[in-house]
Amino acid sequence: MLASPIVDVVLRKLGRKGGRVVAGRLIRPPRNGAVVVIEFPDGLHEYVTTPVKRVLRLVGDEVFFLQTANSCYRLEVRSGGNLVADTAANK
């Protein structure tokens, strides 16, 4: 079994009640209909979104905007961004 590449990301919830920032390792990349899973640096906890409805990417940047069933997020890739871009493009 091959080890999955490490992708470090920062996820920020947008909106009136936004502001929550989650930094960690991306376990499950953004895809329509799937949840996004980010593992905290401690390795013991995860942040899981509701299913993704829409994925938008800023051209030339490793920044994605995600709309889920009940929230909107800004996902910034810190390292390993090619994997996320390829996965989001192949939905």
N, C-alpha and C. Protein backbone atom coordinates (compact mmCIF):
# COMPACT_ATOMS: atom_id res chain seq x y z
N MET A 1 0.84 -1.18 0.00
CA MET A 1 0.00 0.00 0.00
C MET A 1 0.89 1.24 0.00
N LEU A 2 0.58 2.19 -0.86
CA LEU A 2 1.35 3.43 -0.93
C LEU A 2 0.85 4.43 0.09
N ALA A 3 1.77 5.14 0.69
CA ALA A 3 1.38 6.19 1.64
C ALA A 3 0.87 7.39 0.86
N SER A 4 -0.19 8.00 1.36
CA SER A 4 -0.73 9.18 0.68
C SER A 4 0.17 10.38 0.95
N PRO A 5 0.34 11.24 -0.07
CA PRO A 5 1.19 12.42 0.12
C PRO A 5 0.60 13.34 1.19
N ILE A 6 1.47 14.03 1.89
CA ILE A 6 1.02 14.95 2.93
C ILE A 6 0.68 16.29 2.29
N VAL A 7 -0.53 16.75 2.55
CA VAL A 7 -1.00 18.04 2.06
C VAL A 7 -1.40 18.86 3.28
N ASP A 8 -0.63 19.91 3.56
CA ASP A 8 -0.93 20.80 4.68
C ASP A 8 -1.87 21.90 4.20
N VAL A 9 -2.96 22.11 4.94
CA VAL A 9 -3.96 23.09 4.55
C VAL A 9 -4.41 23.92 5.74
N VAL A 10 -5.05 25.04 5.42
CA VAL A 10 -5.71 25.88 6.41
C VAL A 10 -7.14 26.07 5.91
N LEU A 11 -8.12 25.71 6.73
CA LEU A 11 -9.53 25.82 6.38
C LEU A 11 -10.15 26.89 7.27
N ARG A 12 -10.80 27.87 6.65
CA ARG A 12 -11.44 28.95 7.40
C ARG A 12 -12.91 28.99 7.03
N LYS A 13 -13.77 28.94 8.03
CA LYS A 13 -15.20 29.04 7.81
C LYS A 13 -15.56 30.49 7.51
N LEU A 14 -16.38 30.70 6.49
CA LEU A 14 -16.77 32.05 6.07
C LEU A 14 -18.19 32.35 6.53
N GLY A 15 -18.53 33.63 6.53
CA GLY A 15 -19.88 34.03 6.88
C GLY A 15 -19.94 34.81 8.17
N ARG A 16 -21.16 35.11 8.59
CA ARG A 16 -21.39 35.90 9.80
C ARG A 16 -20.80 35.26 11.03
N LYS A 17 -20.98 33.97 11.18
CA LYS A 17 -20.46 33.26 12.34
C LYS A 17 -19.13 32.57 12.02
N GLY A 18 -18.49 33.03 10.97
CA GLY A 18 -17.25 32.41 10.51
C GLY A 18 -16.07 32.75 11.41
N GLY A 19 -14.90 32.49 10.89
CA GLY A 19 -13.71 32.82 11.62
C GLY A 19 -13.00 31.63 12.22
N ARG A 20 -13.66 30.50 12.32
CA ARG A 20 -13.00 29.30 12.85
C ARG A 20 -11.91 28.88 11.87
N VAL A 21 -10.71 28.71 12.37
CA VAL A 21 -9.57 28.32 11.53
C VAL A 21 -9.10 26.93 11.94
N VAL A 22 -8.97 26.07 10.95
CA VAL A 22 -8.49 24.71 11.18
C VAL A 22 -7.25 24.52 10.32
N ALA A 23 -6.13 24.18 10.96
CA ALA A 23 -4.89 23.91 10.23
C ALA A 23 -4.50 22.47 10.48
N GLY A 24 -4.10 21.79 9.43
CA GLY A 24 -3.69 20.40 9.60
C GLY A 24 -3.42 19.72 8.28
N ARG A 25 -3.52 18.40 8.29
CA ARG A 25 -3.22 17.59 7.12
C ARG A 25 -4.52 17.14 6.47
N LEU A 26 -4.61 17.35 5.17
CA LEU A 26 -5.81 16.98 4.43
C LEU A 26 -5.85 15.47 4.24
N ILE A 27 -6.90 14.84 4.77
CA ILE A 27 -7.07 13.39 4.66
C ILE A 27 -7.94 13.06 3.45
N ARG A 28 -9.02 13.78 3.29
CA ARG A 28 -9.93 13.57 2.17
C ARG A 28 -10.13 14.89 1.44
N PRO A 29 -9.68 14.99 0.17
CA PRO A 29 -9.75 16.26 -0.57
C PRO A 29 -11.19 16.63 -0.94
N PRO A 30 -11.39 17.90 -1.33
CA PRO A 30 -12.74 18.35 -1.68
C PRO A 30 -13.22 17.73 -2.99
N ARG A 31 -14.40 17.14 -2.93
CA ARG A 31 -15.09 16.56 -4.09
C ARG A 31 -16.57 16.76 -3.91
N ASN A 32 -17.27 16.97 -4.99
CA ASN A 32 -18.72 17.11 -4.89
C ASN A 32 -19.33 15.84 -4.30
N GLY A 33 -20.18 16.01 -3.30
CA GLY A 33 -20.87 14.90 -2.68
C GLY A 33 -20.12 14.23 -1.55
N ALA A 34 -18.84 14.54 -1.38
CA ALA A 34 -18.03 13.92 -0.32
C ALA A 34 -17.74 14.94 0.77
N VAL A 35 -17.35 14.45 1.93
CA VAL A 35 -16.96 15.35 3.02
C VAL A 35 -15.46 15.63 2.93
N VAL A 36 -15.03 16.75 3.49
CA VAL A 36 -13.62 17.10 3.58
C VAL A 36 -13.17 16.74 4.99
N VAL A 37 -12.06 16.03 5.10
CA VAL A 37 -11.54 15.61 6.40
C VAL A 37 -10.14 16.17 6.57
N ILE A 38 -9.93 16.88 7.69
CA ILE A 38 -8.62 17.45 8.01
C ILE A 38 -8.20 16.92 9.38
N GLU A 39 -6.99 16.36 9.43
CA GLU A 39 -6.46 15.82 10.68
C GLU A 39 -5.66 16.91 11.39
N PHE A 40 -5.94 17.11 12.68
CA PHE A 40 -5.20 18.09 13.46
C PHE A 40 -3.76 17.63 13.66
N PRO A 41 -2.84 18.56 13.93
CA PRO A 41 -1.43 18.20 14.13
C PRO A 41 -1.19 17.18 15.24
N ASP A 42 -2.08 17.10 16.22
CA ASP A 42 -1.88 16.13 17.30
C ASP A 42 -2.12 14.69 16.85
N GLY A 43 -2.74 14.52 15.68
CA GLY A 43 -2.99 13.19 15.15
C GLY A 43 -4.13 12.45 15.80
N LEU A 44 -4.76 13.06 16.79
CA LEU A 44 -5.83 12.40 17.53
C LEU A 44 -7.22 12.88 17.15
N HIS A 45 -7.31 14.05 16.53
CA HIS A 45 -8.60 14.65 16.24
C HIS A 45 -8.70 15.00 14.76
N GLU A 46 -9.93 15.05 14.27
CA GLU A 46 -10.19 15.41 12.88
C GLU A 46 -11.31 16.43 12.81
N TYR A 47 -11.30 17.24 11.74
CA TYR A 47 -12.39 18.16 11.46
C TYR A 47 -13.06 17.64 10.19
N VAL A 48 -14.37 17.43 10.23
CA VAL A 48 -15.10 16.87 9.10
C VAL A 48 -16.21 17.84 8.73
N THR A 49 -16.29 18.18 7.45
CA THR A 49 -17.36 19.07 6.97
C THR A 49 -18.59 18.24 6.59
N THR A 50 -19.68 18.92 6.32
CA THR A 50 -20.83 18.25 5.73
C THR A 50 -20.52 18.04 4.24
N PRO A 51 -21.32 17.27 3.50
CA PRO A 51 -21.01 16.99 2.09
C PRO A 51 -20.86 18.27 1.24
N VAL A 52 -19.87 18.25 0.37
CA VAL A 52 -19.55 19.40 -0.48
C VAL A 52 -20.52 19.48 -1.64
N LYS A 53 -21.06 20.68 -1.87
CA LYS A 53 -21.94 20.93 -3.01
C LYS A 53 -21.18 21.52 -4.19
N ARG A 54 -20.20 22.38 -3.90
CA ARG A 54 -19.51 23.11 -4.97
C ARG A 54 -18.07 23.39 -4.55
N VAL A 55 -17.15 23.27 -5.52
CA VAL A 55 -15.74 23.58 -5.29
C VAL A 55 -15.32 24.61 -6.34
N LEU A 56 -14.84 25.75 -5.88
CA LEU A 56 -14.34 26.80 -6.77
C LEU A 56 -12.88 27.04 -6.45
N ARG A 57 -12.07 27.26 -7.50
CA ARG A 57 -10.64 27.49 -7.29
C ARG A 57 -10.25 28.84 -7.86
N LEU A 58 -9.43 29.59 -7.12
CA LEU A 58 -8.88 30.83 -7.63
C LEU A 58 -7.79 30.49 -8.64
N VAL A 59 -7.85 31.09 -9.81
CA VAL A 59 -6.88 30.80 -10.86
C VAL A 59 -5.49 31.24 -10.43
N GLY A 60 -4.51 30.35 -10.60
CA GLY A 60 -3.13 30.67 -10.29
C GLY A 60 -2.77 30.56 -8.82
N ASP A 61 -3.73 30.30 -7.97
CA ASP A 61 -3.47 30.19 -6.53
C ASP A 61 -3.89 28.81 -6.05
N GLU A 62 -3.39 28.43 -4.91
CA GLU A 62 -3.80 27.19 -4.26
C GLU A 62 -4.85 27.51 -3.21
N VAL A 63 -5.88 28.23 -3.64
CA VAL A 63 -6.98 28.62 -2.75
C VAL A 63 -8.29 28.11 -3.36
N PHE A 64 -9.06 27.41 -2.54
CA PHE A 64 -10.33 26.86 -2.97
C PHE A 64 -11.44 27.41 -2.08
N PHE A 65 -12.61 27.63 -2.66
CA PHE A 65 -13.79 28.00 -1.90
C PHE A 65 -14.76 26.83 -2.00
N LEU A 66 -15.21 26.36 -0.84
CA LEU A 66 -16.07 25.19 -0.78
C LEU A 66 -17.43 25.59 -0.24
N GLN A 67 -18.48 25.13 -0.91
CA GLN A 67 -19.82 25.30 -0.39
C GLN A 67 -20.30 23.92 0.01
N THR A 68 -20.67 23.77 1.27
CA THR A 68 -21.18 22.49 1.75
C THR A 68 -22.69 22.61 1.97
N ALA A 69 -23.27 21.59 2.53
CA ALA A 69 -24.72 21.57 2.75
C ALA A 69 -25.18 22.73 3.62
N ASN A 70 -24.34 23.19 4.57
CA ASN A 70 -24.79 24.27 5.45
C ASN A 70 -23.72 25.31 5.77
N SER A 71 -22.58 25.31 5.07
CA SER A 71 -21.52 26.29 5.35
C SER A 71 -20.70 26.57 4.09
N CYS A 72 -19.92 27.64 4.18
CA CYS A 72 -18.95 27.96 3.12
C CYS A 72 -17.57 28.08 3.77
N TYR A 73 -16.55 27.61 3.05
CA TYR A 73 -15.20 27.59 3.58
C TYR A 73 -14.21 28.12 2.55
N ARG A 74 -13.08 28.60 3.05
CA ARG A 74 -11.92 28.95 2.23
C ARG A 74 -10.83 27.97 2.61
N LEU A 75 -10.34 27.21 1.63
CA LEU A 75 -9.31 26.20 1.86
C LEU A 75 -8.03 26.66 1.18
N GLU A 76 -7.01 26.92 1.97
CA GLU A 76 -5.72 27.36 1.44
C GLU A 76 -4.71 26.23 1.61
N VAL A 77 -4.10 25.85 0.50
CA VAL A 77 -3.12 24.76 0.52
C VAL A 77 -1.75 25.35 0.81
N ARG A 78 -1.09 24.81 1.83
CA ARG A 78 0.24 25.29 2.22
C ARG A 78 1.34 24.48 1.55
N SER A 79 1.11 23.18 1.33
CA SER A 79 2.09 22.33 0.65
C SER A 79 1.36 21.14 0.03
N GLY A 80 1.89 20.64 -1.09
CA GLY A 80 1.29 19.49 -1.75
C GLY A 80 0.04 19.82 -2.53
N GLY A 81 -0.07 21.04 -3.05
CA GLY A 81 -1.28 21.51 -3.71
C GLY A 81 -1.65 20.84 -5.00
N ASN A 82 -0.69 20.26 -5.73
CA ASN A 82 -1.01 19.64 -7.01
C ASN A 82 -2.00 18.50 -6.84
N LEU A 83 -1.88 17.75 -5.76
CA LEU A 83 -2.79 16.65 -5.49
C LEU A 83 -4.22 17.16 -5.32
N VAL A 84 -4.40 18.23 -4.59
CA VAL A 84 -5.74 18.78 -4.34
C VAL A 84 -6.32 19.30 -5.63
N ALA A 85 -5.54 20.03 -6.43
CA ALA A 85 -6.03 20.60 -7.67
C ALA A 85 -6.45 19.50 -8.64
N ASP A 86 -5.64 18.43 -8.74
CA ASP A 86 -5.95 17.33 -9.64
C ASP A 86 -7.23 16.61 -9.20
N THR A 87 -7.39 16.40 -7.92
CA THR A 87 -8.55 15.70 -7.39
C THR A 87 -9.81 16.54 -7.58
N ALA A 88 -9.72 17.85 -7.32
CA ALA A 88 -10.88 18.73 -7.46
C ALA A 88 -11.29 18.85 -8.91
N ALA A 89 -10.33 18.80 -9.84
CA ALA A 89 -10.61 18.92 -11.26
C ALA A 89 -11.27 17.65 -11.81
N ASN A 90 -10.99 16.52 -11.20
CA ASN A 90 -11.51 15.24 -11.68
C ASN A 90 -12.73 14.79 -10.91
N LYS A 91 -13.69 15.67 -10.70
CA LYS A 91 -14.86 15.32 -9.91
C LYS A 91 -15.82 14.45 -10.62
